[in-house]
Amino acid sequence: MQRYYLPIIHNGQLQADDAGEMFGSAALASQYGARVAHEIGSDPEYDPGSGTVVIVVDSAGVEIARHAVGRAAW
């Protein structure tokens, strides 16, 4: 198990993820990131013009995936 972080860029501002989540693989972490992006986009109050992106980063700071809200496939 490795810790992955999911910071979010919303309206051009980075919202850090200081806690992270434990996953058995980068693929599982990426799938979770896609699900988070989908859930954000499903919120009726979400503004599609905000350019929100969920980023998946491993514990070494390496970017694993980016999921644009509104276009996330999971």
C-alpha atoms as a PDB file:
ATOM      1  CA  MET A   1       0.000   0.000   0.000  1.00  0.00           C
ATOM      2  CA  GLN A   2       1.200   3.467  -0.854  1.00  0.00           C
ATOM      3  CA  ARG A   3      -0.192   6.885  -0.020  1.00  0.00           C
ATOM      4  CA  TYR A   4      -1.502   8.991  -2.886  1.00  0.00           C
ATOM      5  CA  TYR A   5      -2.671  12.583  -2.748  1.00  0.00           C
ATOM      6  CA  LEU A   6      -5.486  14.200  -4.705  1.00  0.00           C
ATOM      7  CA  PRO A   7      -4.996  17.958  -4.875  1.00  0.00           C
ATOM      8  CA  ILE A   8      -7.667  19.809  -6.840  1.00  0.00           C
ATOM      9  CA  ILE A   9      -7.292  22.844  -9.074  1.00  0.00           C
ATOM     10  CA  HIS A  10     -10.511  24.887  -9.021  1.00  0.00           C
ATOM     11  CA  ASN A  11     -10.877  28.321 -10.607  1.00  0.00           C
ATOM     12  CA  GLY A  12      -7.104  28.399 -11.045  1.00  0.00           C
ATOM     13  CA  GLN A  13      -6.410  27.843  -7.339  1.00  0.00           C
ATOM     14  CA  LEU A  14      -4.748  24.760  -5.907  1.00  0.00           C
ATOM     15  CA  GLN A  15      -6.561  23.038  -3.054  1.00  0.00           C
ATOM     16  CA  ALA A  16      -3.956  20.796  -1.423  1.00  0.00           C
ATOM     17  CA  ASP A  17      -4.629  17.317  -0.065  1.00  0.00           C
ATOM     18  CA  ASP A  18      -2.512  16.999   3.072  1.00  0.00           C
ATOM     19  CA  ALA A  19      -3.949  13.666   4.247  1.00  0.00           C
ATOM     20  CA  GLY A  20      -3.976  11.514   1.120  1.00  0.00           C
ATOM     21  CA  GLU A  21      -5.412   8.022   0.750  1.00  0.00           C
ATOM     22  CA  MET A  22      -3.837   4.564   0.771  1.00  0.00           C
ATOM     23  CA  PHE A  23      -4.092   2.437  -2.399  1.00  0.00           C
ATOM     24  CA  GLY A  24      -2.533  -0.809  -3.521  1.00  0.00           C
ATOM     25  CA  SER A  25      -1.533   0.578  -6.918  1.00  0.00           C
ATOM     26  CA  ALA A  26      -1.285   3.730  -8.983  1.00  0.00           C
ATOM     27  CA  ALA A  27      -4.098   2.401 -11.178  1.00  0.00           C
ATOM     28  CA  LEU A  28      -6.460   2.183  -8.182  1.00  0.00           C
ATOM     29  CA  ALA A  29      -5.490   5.684  -7.078  1.00  0.00           C
ATOM     30  CA  SER A  30      -6.170   6.983 -10.592  1.00  0.00           C
ATOM     31  CA  GLN A  31      -9.569   5.270 -10.673  1.00  0.00           C
ATOM     32  CA  TYR A  32     -10.427   6.909  -7.358  1.00  0.00           C
ATOM     33  CA  GLY A  33      -9.339  10.293  -8.729  1.00  0.00           C
ATOM     34  CA  ALA A  34     -11.647   9.777 -11.720  1.00  0.00           C
ATOM     35  CA  ARG A  35     -14.508   8.947  -9.359  1.00  0.00           C
ATOM     36  CA  VAL A  36     -13.853  12.098  -7.304  1.00  0.00           C
ATOM     37  CA  ALA A  37     -13.872  14.180 -10.505  1.00  0.00           C
ATOM     38  CA  HIS A  38     -17.134  12.551 -11.586  1.00  0.00           C
ATOM     39  CA  GLU A  39     -18.748  13.246  -8.197  1.00  0.00           C
ATOM     40  CA  ILE A  40     -17.677  16.895  -8.286  1.00  0.00           C
ATOM     41  CA  GLY A  41     -19.125  17.251 -11.789  1.00  0.00           C
ATOM     42  CA  SER A  42     -22.373  15.594 -10.664  1.00  0.00           C
ATOM     43  CA  ASP A  43     -23.011  18.280  -8.046  1.00  0.00           C
ATOM     44  CA  PRO A  44     -25.897  20.422  -9.348  1.00  0.00           C
ATOM     45  CA  GLU A  45     -24.147  23.534  -8.027  1.00  0.00           C
ATOM     46  CA  TYR A  46     -20.892  22.788  -9.879  1.00  0.00           C
ATOM     47  CA  ASP A  47     -19.896  25.491 -12.389  1.00  0.00           C
ATOM     48  CA  PRO A  48     -18.535  23.783 -15.533  1.00  0.00           C
ATOM     49  CA  GLY A  49     -16.643  26.960 -16.387  1.00  0.00           C
ATOM     50  CA  SER A  50     -14.434  26.639 -13.304  1.00  0.00           C
ATOM     51  CA  GLY A  51     -11.943  24.354 -15.050  1.00  0.00           C
ATOM     52  CA  THR A  52     -11.695  21.952 -12.117  1.00  0.00           C
ATOM     53  CA  VAL A  53      -9.064  19.214 -12.321  1.00  0.00           C
ATOM     54  CA  VAL A  54      -8.357  16.383  -9.860  1.00  0.00           C
ATOM     55  CA  ILE A  55      -4.676  15.456  -9.831  1.00  0.00           C
ATOM     56  CA  VAL A  56      -3.352  12.141  -8.492  1.00  0.00           C
ATOM     57  CA  VAL A  57       0.158  12.343  -7.013  1.00  0.00           C
ATOM     58  CA  ASP A  58       2.206   9.618  -5.346  1.00  0.00           C
ATOM     59  CA  SER A  59       4.103  10.049  -2.072  1.00  0.00           C
ATOM     60  CA  ALA A  60       7.251  11.069  -3.978  1.00  0.00           C
ATOM     61  CA  GLY A  61       5.363  13.921  -5.642  1.00  0.00           C
ATOM     62  CA  VAL A  62       5.154  12.263  -9.059  1.00  0.00           C
ATOM     63  CA  GLU A  63       1.957  13.045 -10.938  1.00  0.00           C
ATOM     64  CA  ILE A  64       0.133   9.828 -11.818  1.00  0.00           C
ATOM     65  CA  ALA A  65      -3.004  11.198 -13.500  1.00  0.00           C
ATOM     66  CA  ARG A  66      -5.185  14.245 -14.132  1.00  0.00           C
ATOM     67  CA  HIS A  67      -8.941  14.051 -14.365  1.00  0.00           C
ATOM     68  CA  ALA A  68     -10.830  17.045 -15.743  1.00  0.00           C
ATOM     69  CA  VAL A  69     -14.191  17.413 -14.023  1.00  0.00           C
ATOM     70  CA  GLY A  70     -17.009  16.881 -16.471  1.00  0.00           C
ATOM     71  CA  ARG A  71     -14.921  14.659 -18.728  1.00  0.00           C
ATOM     72  CA  ALA A  72     -13.764  12.043 -16.239  1.00  0.00           C
ATOM     73  CA  ALA A  73     -14.259   8.440 -17.292  1.00  0.00           C
ATOM     74  CA  TRP A  74     -14.289   5.792 -14.632  1.00  0.00           C
END
